[in-house]
Amino acid sequence: MSRDPLSRETFTTDALDTDEFESLDAVNDDQYSKNKPSKADSLRARRQVEAWLEERRLQRVIEDDWDEEE
């Protein structure tokens, strides 16, 4: 018999301390805004990814070339 993790029968509140639970405040989304990376950081990251892709492409070409010679 498999256990359904979403079943209400398997959920217990025994381990839940109500005082601790009630003291947790909700976080307001307005206080935590996403930090947008600068254009320079975005461009640097894009160039790095492009360099990795080009390196991988060249490695595959070299490996394919070696395979053809054998």
PDB file of N, CA and C in Angstrom:
ATOM      1  N   MET A   1       0.837  -1.176   0.000  1.00  0.00           N
ATOM      2  CA  MET A   1       0.000   0.000   0.000  1.00  0.00           C
ATOM      3  C   MET A   1       0.885   1.244   0.000  1.00  0.00           C
ATOM      4  N   SER A   2       0.698   2.126  -0.991  1.00  0.00           N
ATOM      5  CA  SER A   2       1.526   3.319  -1.062  1.00  0.00           C
ATOM      6  C   SER A   2       0.929   4.425  -0.203  1.00  0.00           C
ATOM      7  N   ARG A   3       1.791   5.248   0.289  1.00  0.00           N
ATOM      8  CA  ARG A   3       1.357   6.338   1.155  1.00  0.00           C
ATOM      9  C   ARG A   3       1.159   7.593   0.325  1.00  0.00           C
ATOM     10  N   ASP A   4       0.009   8.209   0.404  1.00  0.00           N
ATOM     11  CA  ASP A   4      -0.288   9.428  -0.328  1.00  0.00           C
ATOM     12  C   ASP A   4       0.174  10.616   0.510  1.00  0.00           C
ATOM     13  N   PRO A   5       1.175  11.372   0.037  1.00  0.00           N
ATOM     14  CA  PRO A   5       1.688  12.481   0.846  1.00  0.00           C
ATOM     15  C   PRO A   5       0.675  13.611   1.020  1.00  0.00           C
ATOM     16  N   LEU A   6      -0.349  13.664   0.163  1.00  0.00           N
ATOM     17  CA  LEU A   6      -1.338  14.725   0.261  1.00  0.00           C
ATOM     18  C   LEU A   6      -2.585  14.313   1.037  1.00  0.00           C
ATOM     19  N   SER A   7      -2.594  13.109   1.534  1.00  0.00           N
ATOM     20  CA  SER A   7      -3.754  12.606   2.257  1.00  0.00           C
ATOM     21  C   SER A   7      -3.896  13.320   3.592  1.00  0.00           C
ATOM     22  N   ARG A   8      -5.107  13.699   3.930  1.00  0.00           N
ATOM     23  CA  ARG A   8      -5.360  14.359   5.212  1.00  0.00           C
ATOM     24  C   ARG A   8      -5.167  13.397   6.376  1.00  0.00           C
ATOM     25  N   GLU A   9      -5.306  12.119   6.119  1.00  0.00           N
ATOM     26  CA  GLU A   9      -5.171  11.125   7.178  1.00  0.00           C
ATOM     27  C   GLU A   9      -3.739  11.023   7.683  1.00  0.00           C
ATOM     28  N   THR A  10      -2.764  11.315   6.833  1.00  0.00           N
ATOM     29  CA  THR A  10      -1.370  11.198   7.248  1.00  0.00           C
ATOM     30  C   THR A  10      -0.842  12.485   7.862  1.00  0.00           C
ATOM     31  N   PHE A  11      -1.604  13.578   7.778  1.00  0.00           N
ATOM     32  CA  PHE A  11      -1.163  14.854   8.322  1.00  0.00           C
ATOM     33  C   PHE A  11      -1.508  14.931   9.803  1.00  0.00           C
ATOM     34  N   THR A  12      -0.511  15.251  10.607  1.00  0.00           N
ATOM     35  CA  THR A  12      -0.770  15.421  12.035  1.00  0.00           C
ATOM     36  C   THR A  12      -0.238  16.768  12.477  1.00  0.00           C
ATOM     37  N   THR A  13      -0.864  17.329  13.465  1.00  0.00           N
ATOM     38  CA  THR A  13      -0.422  18.609  14.012  1.00  0.00           C
ATOM     39  C   THR A  13       0.308  18.420  15.332  1.00  0.00           C
ATOM     40  N   ASP A  14       0.661  17.186  15.659  1.00  0.00           N
ATOM     41  CA  ASP A  14       1.322  16.912  16.932  1.00  0.00           C
ATOM     42  C   ASP A  14       2.641  17.665  17.061  1.00  0.00           C
ATOM     43  N   ALA A  15       3.397  17.711  15.977  1.00  0.00           N
ATOM     44  CA  ALA A  15       4.718  18.328  16.031  1.00  0.00           C
ATOM     45  C   ALA A  15       4.645  19.839  15.886  1.00  0.00           C
ATOM     46  N   LEU A  16       3.470  20.372  15.625  1.00  0.00           N
ATOM     47  CA  LEU A  16       3.319  21.799  15.389  1.00  0.00           C
ATOM     48  C   LEU A  16       3.050  22.513  16.708  1.00  0.00           C
ATOM     49  N   ASP A  17       3.971  23.362  17.094  1.00  0.00           N
ATOM     50  CA  ASP A  17       3.796  24.153  18.311  1.00  0.00           C
ATOM     51  C   ASP A  17       3.025  25.418  17.935  1.00  0.00           C
ATOM     52  N   THR A  18       1.808  25.563  18.448  1.00  0.00           N
ATOM     53  CA  THR A  18       0.952  26.674  18.028  1.00  0.00           C
ATOM     54  C   THR A  18       1.537  28.024  18.390  1.00  0.00           C
ATOM     55  N   ASP A  19       2.175  28.147  19.535  1.00  0.00           N
ATOM     56  CA  ASP A  19       2.771  29.436  19.899  1.00  0.00           C
ATOM     57  C   ASP A  19       3.856  29.824  18.908  1.00  0.00           C
ATOM     58  N   GLU A  20       4.665  28.847  18.542  1.00  0.00           N
ATOM     59  CA  GLU A  20       5.732  29.116  17.584  1.00  0.00           C
ATOM     60  C   GLU A  20       5.144  29.472  16.220  1.00  0.00           C
ATOM     61  N   PHE A  21       4.101  28.769  15.838  1.00  0.00           N
ATOM     62  CA  PHE A  21       3.479  29.009  14.539  1.00  0.00           C
ATOM     63  C   PHE A  21       2.861  30.400  14.474  1.00  0.00           C
ATOM     64  N   GLU A  22       2.194  30.823  15.544  1.00  0.00           N
ATOM     65  CA  GLU A  22       1.533  32.124  15.549  1.00  0.00           C
ATOM     66  C   GLU A  22       2.520  33.275  15.611  1.00  0.00           C
ATOM     67  N   SER A  23       3.720  33.040  16.089  1.00  0.00           N
ATOM     68  CA  SER A  23       4.692  34.124  16.186  1.00  0.00           C
ATOM     69  C   SER A  23       5.391  34.395  14.852  1.00  0.00           C
ATOM     70  N   LEU A  24       5.212  33.501  13.904  1.00  0.00           N
ATOM     71  CA  LEU A  24       5.832  33.721  12.604  1.00  0.00           C
ATOM     72  C   LEU A  24       5.013  34.737  11.824  1.00  0.00           C
ATOM     73  N   ASP A  25       5.644  35.833  11.441  1.00  0.00           N
ATOM     74  CA  ASP A  25       4.944  36.872  10.691  1.00  0.00           C
ATOM     75  C   ASP A  25       5.057  36.609   9.203  1.00  0.00           C
ATOM     76  N   ALA A  26       4.026  36.993   8.487  1.00  0.00           N
ATOM     77  CA  ALA A  26       4.061  36.881   7.029  1.00  0.00           C
ATOM     78  C   ALA A  26       5.013  37.939   6.489  1.00  0.00           C
ATOM     79  N   VAL A  27       5.698  37.583   5.440  1.00  0.00           N
ATOM     80  CA  VAL A  27       6.635  38.514   4.823  1.00  0.00           C
ATOM     81  C   VAL A  27       5.899  39.279   3.740  1.00  0.00           C
ATOM     82  N   ASN A  28       5.992  40.577   3.795  1.00  0.00           N
ATOM     83  CA  ASN A  28       5.348  41.410   2.795  1.00  0.00           C
ATOM     84  C   ASN A  28       6.218  41.450   1.543  1.00  0.00           C
ATOM     85  N   ASP A  29       5.636  41.136   0.413  1.00  0.00           N
ATOM     86  CA  ASP A  29       6.394  41.106  -0.836  1.00  0.00           C
ATOM     87  C   ASP A  29       6.963  42.470  -1.203  1.00  0.00           C
ATOM     88  N   ASP A  30       6.307  43.537  -0.772  1.00  0.00           N
ATOM     89  CA  ASP A  30       6.796  44.878  -1.102  1.00  0.00           C
ATOM     90  C   ASP A  30       8.147  45.156  -0.457  1.00  0.00           C
ATOM     91  N   GLN A  31       8.422  44.507   0.656  1.00  0.00           N
ATOM     92  CA  GLN A  31       9.688  44.733   1.345  1.00  0.00           C
ATOM     93  C   GLN A  31      10.845  44.033   0.648  1.00  0.00           C
ATOM     94  N   TYR A  32      10.567  42.975  -0.079  1.00  0.00           N
ATOM     95  CA  TYR A  32      11.610  42.182  -0.711  1.00  0.00           C
ATOM     96  C   TYR A  32      11.440  42.249  -2.224  1.00  0.00           C
ATOM     97  N   SER A  33      12.034  43.243  -2.833  1.00  0.00           N
ATOM     98  CA  SER A  33      11.948  43.354  -4.289  1.00  0.00           C
ATOM     99  C   SER A  33      13.124  42.611  -4.910  1.00  0.00           C
ATOM    100  N   LYS A  34      12.893  42.113  -6.100  1.00  0.00           N
ATOM    101  CA  LYS A  34      13.969  41.412  -6.795  1.00  0.00           C
ATOM    102  C   LYS A  34      15.044  42.413  -7.203  1.00  0.00           C
ATOM    103  N   ASN A  35      16.279  42.035  -6.983  1.00  0.00           N
ATOM    104  CA  ASN A  35      17.374  42.871  -7.441  1.00  0.00           C
ATOM    105  C   ASN A  35      17.648  42.548  -8.893  1.00  0.00           C
ATOM    106  N   LYS A  36      17.368  43.490  -9.753  1.00  0.00           N
ATOM    107  CA  LYS A  36      17.585  43.281 -11.173  1.00  0.00           C
ATOM    108  C   LYS A  36      19.067  43.492 -11.463  1.00  0.00           C
ATOM    109  N   PRO A  37      19.703  42.529 -12.142  1.00  0.00           N
ATOM    110  CA  PRO A  37      21.124  42.698 -12.443  1.00  0.00           C
ATOM    111  C   PRO A  37      21.331  43.870 -13.400  1.00  0.00           C
ATOM    112  N   SER A  38      22.472  44.502 -13.277  1.00  0.00           N
ATOM    113  CA  SER A  38      22.771  45.628 -14.156  1.00  0.00           C
ATOM    114  C   SER A  38      22.958  45.130 -15.586  1.00  0.00           C
ATOM    115  N   LYS A  39      22.885  46.050 -16.531  1.00  0.00           N
ATOM    116  CA  LYS A  39      23.067  45.676 -17.935  1.00  0.00           C
ATOM    117  C   LYS A  39      24.463  45.108 -18.161  1.00  0.00           C
ATOM    118  N   ALA A  40      25.448  45.664 -17.471  1.00  0.00           N
ATOM    119  CA  ALA A  40      26.822  45.175 -17.617  1.00  0.00           C
ATOM    120  C   ALA A  40      26.934  43.736 -17.119  1.00  0.00           C
ATOM    121  N   ASP A  41      26.294  43.435 -15.983  1.00  0.00           N
ATOM    122  CA  ASP A  41      26.322  42.067 -15.450  1.00  0.00           C
ATOM    123  C   ASP A  41      25.604  41.099 -16.379  1.00  0.00           C
ATOM    124  N   SER A  42      24.460  41.528 -16.920  1.00  0.00           N
ATOM    125  CA  SER A  42      23.716  40.678 -17.854  1.00  0.00           C
ATOM    126  C   SER A  42      24.529  40.404 -19.106  1.00  0.00           C
ATOM    127  N   LEU A  43      25.168  41.438 -19.627  1.00  0.00           N
ATOM    128  CA  LEU A  43      25.981  41.285 -20.831  1.00  0.00           C
ATOM    129  C   LEU A  43      27.179  40.377 -20.564  1.00  0.00           C
ATOM    130  N   ARG A  44      27.801  40.551 -19.410  1.00  0.00           N
ATOM    131  CA  ARG A  44      28.950  39.718 -19.038  1.00  0.00           C
ATOM    132  C   ARG A  44      28.528  38.255 -18.923  1.00  0.00           C
ATOM    133  N   ALA A  45      27.391  38.010 -18.298  1.00  0.00           N
ATOM    134  CA  ALA A  45      26.892  36.641 -18.153  1.00  0.00           C
ATOM    135  C   ALA A  45      26.548  36.047 -19.513  1.00  0.00           C
ATOM    136  N   ARG A  46      25.917  36.828 -20.374  1.00  0.00           N
ATOM    137  CA  ARG A  46      25.566  36.342 -21.712  1.00  0.00           C
ATOM    138  C   ARG A  46      26.821  35.992 -22.511  1.00  0.00           C
ATOM    139  N   ARG A  47      27.832  36.844 -22.433  1.00  0.00           N
ATOM    140  CA  ARG A  47      29.083  36.564 -23.158  1.00  0.00           C
ATOM    141  C   ARG A  47      29.762  35.314 -22.621  1.00  0.00           C
ATOM    142  N   GLN A  48      29.692  35.105 -21.312  1.00  0.00           N
ATOM    143  CA  GLN A  48      30.295  33.911 -20.717  1.00  0.00           C
ATOM    144  C   GLN A  48      29.587  32.659 -21.205  1.00  0.00           C
ATOM    145  N   VAL A  49      28.265  32.690 -21.240  1.00  0.00           N
ATOM    146  CA  VAL A  49      27.499  31.536 -21.729  1.00  0.00           C
ATOM    147  C   VAL A  49      27.807  31.285 -23.196  1.00  0.00           C
ATOM    148  N   GLU A  50      27.874  32.348 -23.989  1.00  0.00           N
ATOM    149  CA  GLU A  50      28.198  32.188 -25.408  1.00  0.00           C
ATOM    150  C   GLU A  50      29.592  31.595 -25.590  1.00  0.00           C
ATOM    151  N   ALA A  51      30.537  32.011 -24.750  1.00  0.00           N
ATOM    152  CA  ALA A  51      31.895  31.466 -24.831  1.00  0.00           C
ATOM    153  C   ALA A  51      31.897  29.982 -24.484  1.00  0.00           C
ATOM    154  N   TRP A  52      31.143  29.601 -23.457  1.00  0.00           N
ATOM    155  CA  TRP A  52      31.055  28.177 -23.086  1.00  0.00           C
ATOM    156  C   TRP A  52      30.427  27.355 -24.207  1.00  0.00           C
ATOM    157  N   LEU A  53      29.374  27.891 -24.811  1.00  0.00           N
ATOM    158  CA  LEU A  53      28.724  27.173 -25.908  1.00  0.00           C
ATOM    159  C   LEU A  53      29.662  27.020 -27.099  1.00  0.00           C
ATOM    160  N   GLU A  54      30.398  28.066 -27.409  1.00  0.00           N
ATOM    161  CA  GLU A  54      31.350  27.996 -28.521  1.00  0.00           C
ATOM    162  C   GLU A  54      32.464  26.998 -28.211  1.00  0.00           C
ATOM    163  N   GLU A  55      32.952  27.002 -26.983  1.00  0.00           N
ATOM    164  CA  GLU A  55      33.986  26.045 -26.586  1.00  0.00           C
ATOM    165  C   GLU A  55      33.471  24.613 -26.706  1.00  0.00           C
ATOM    166  N   ARG A  56      32.249  24.388 -26.266  1.00  0.00           N
ATOM    167  CA  ARG A  56      31.659  23.051 -26.361  1.00  0.00           C
ATOM    168  C   ARG A  56      31.478  22.634 -27.818  1.00  0.00           C
ATOM    169  N   ARG A  57      31.040  23.583 -28.647  1.00  0.00           N
ATOM    170  CA  ARG A  57      30.863  23.286 -30.068  1.00  0.00           C
ATOM    171  C   ARG A  57      32.195  22.908 -30.706  1.00  0.00           C
ATOM    172  N   LEU A  58      33.244  23.668 -30.396  1.00  0.00           N
ATOM    173  CA  LEU A  58      34.564  23.377 -30.957  1.00  0.00           C
ATOM    174  C   LEU A  58      35.096  22.034 -30.464  1.00  0.00           C
ATOM    175  N   GLN A  59      34.869  21.710 -29.202  1.00  0.00           N
ATOM    176  CA  GLN A  59      35.306  20.413 -28.681  1.00  0.00           C
ATOM    177  C   GLN A  59      34.613  19.274 -29.415  1.00  0.00           C
ATOM    178  N   ARG A  60      33.336  19.444 -29.699  1.00  0.00           N
ATOM    179  CA  ARG A  60      32.609  18.403 -30.435  1.00  0.00           C
ATOM    180  C   ARG A  60      33.132  18.265 -31.856  1.00  0.00           C
ATOM    181  N   VAL A  61      33.448  19.380 -32.489  1.00  0.00           N
ATOM    182  CA  VAL A  61      33.995  19.328 -33.847  1.00  0.00           C
ATOM    183  C   VAL A  61      35.327  18.591 -33.839  1.00  0.00           C
ATOM    184  N   ILE A  62      36.169  18.899 -32.864  1.00  0.00           N
ATOM    185  CA  ILE A  62      37.475  18.238 -32.764  1.00  0.00           C
ATOM    186  C   ILE A  62      37.292  16.748 -32.507  1.00  0.00           C
ATOM    187  N   GLU A  63      36.396  16.384 -31.588  1.00  0.00           N
ATOM    188  CA  GLU A  63      36.156  14.968 -31.296  1.00  0.00           C
ATOM    189  C   GLU A  63      35.610  14.240 -32.514  1.00  0.00           C
ATOM    190  N   ASP A  64      34.695  14.879 -33.234  1.00  0.00           N
ATOM    191  CA  ASP A  64      34.150  14.268 -34.447  1.00  0.00           C
ATOM    192  C   ASP A  64      35.236  14.092 -35.499  1.00  0.00           C
ATOM    193  N   ASP A  65      36.128  15.076 -35.595  1.00  0.00           N
ATOM    194  CA  ASP A  65      37.228  15.002 -36.560  1.00  0.00           C
ATOM    195  C   ASP A  65      38.163  13.850 -36.212  1.00  0.00           C
ATOM    196  N   TRP A  66      38.445  13.664 -34.917  1.00  0.00           N
ATOM    197  CA  TRP A  66      39.300  12.566 -34.488  1.00  0.00           C
ATOM    198  C   TRP A  66      38.636  11.223 -34.784  1.00  0.00           C
ATOM    199  N   ASP A  67      37.329  11.153 -34.576  1.00  0.00           N
ATOM    200  CA  ASP A  67      36.599   9.909 -34.835  1.00  0.00           C
ATOM    201  C   ASP A  67      36.631   9.544 -36.313  1.00  0.00           C
ATOM    202  N   GLU A  68      36.569  10.534 -37.188  1.00  0.00           N
ATOM    203  CA  GLU A  68      36.590  10.273 -38.627  1.00  0.00           C
ATOM    204  C   GLU A  68      37.954   9.777 -39.089  1.00  0.00           C
ATOM    205  N   GLU A  69      39.025  10.232 -38.445  1.00  0.00           N
ATOM    206  CA  GLU A  69      40.373   9.829 -38.840  1.00  0.00           C
ATOM    207  C   GLU A  69      40.680   8.396 -38.424  1.00  0.00           C
ATOM    208  N   GLU A  70      40.023   7.893 -37.418  1.00  0.00           N
ATOM    209  CA  GLU A  70      40.316   6.541 -36.930  1.00  0.00           C
ATOM    210  C   GLU A  70      39.735   5.488 -37.778  1.00  0.00           C
TER     211      GLU A  70
END
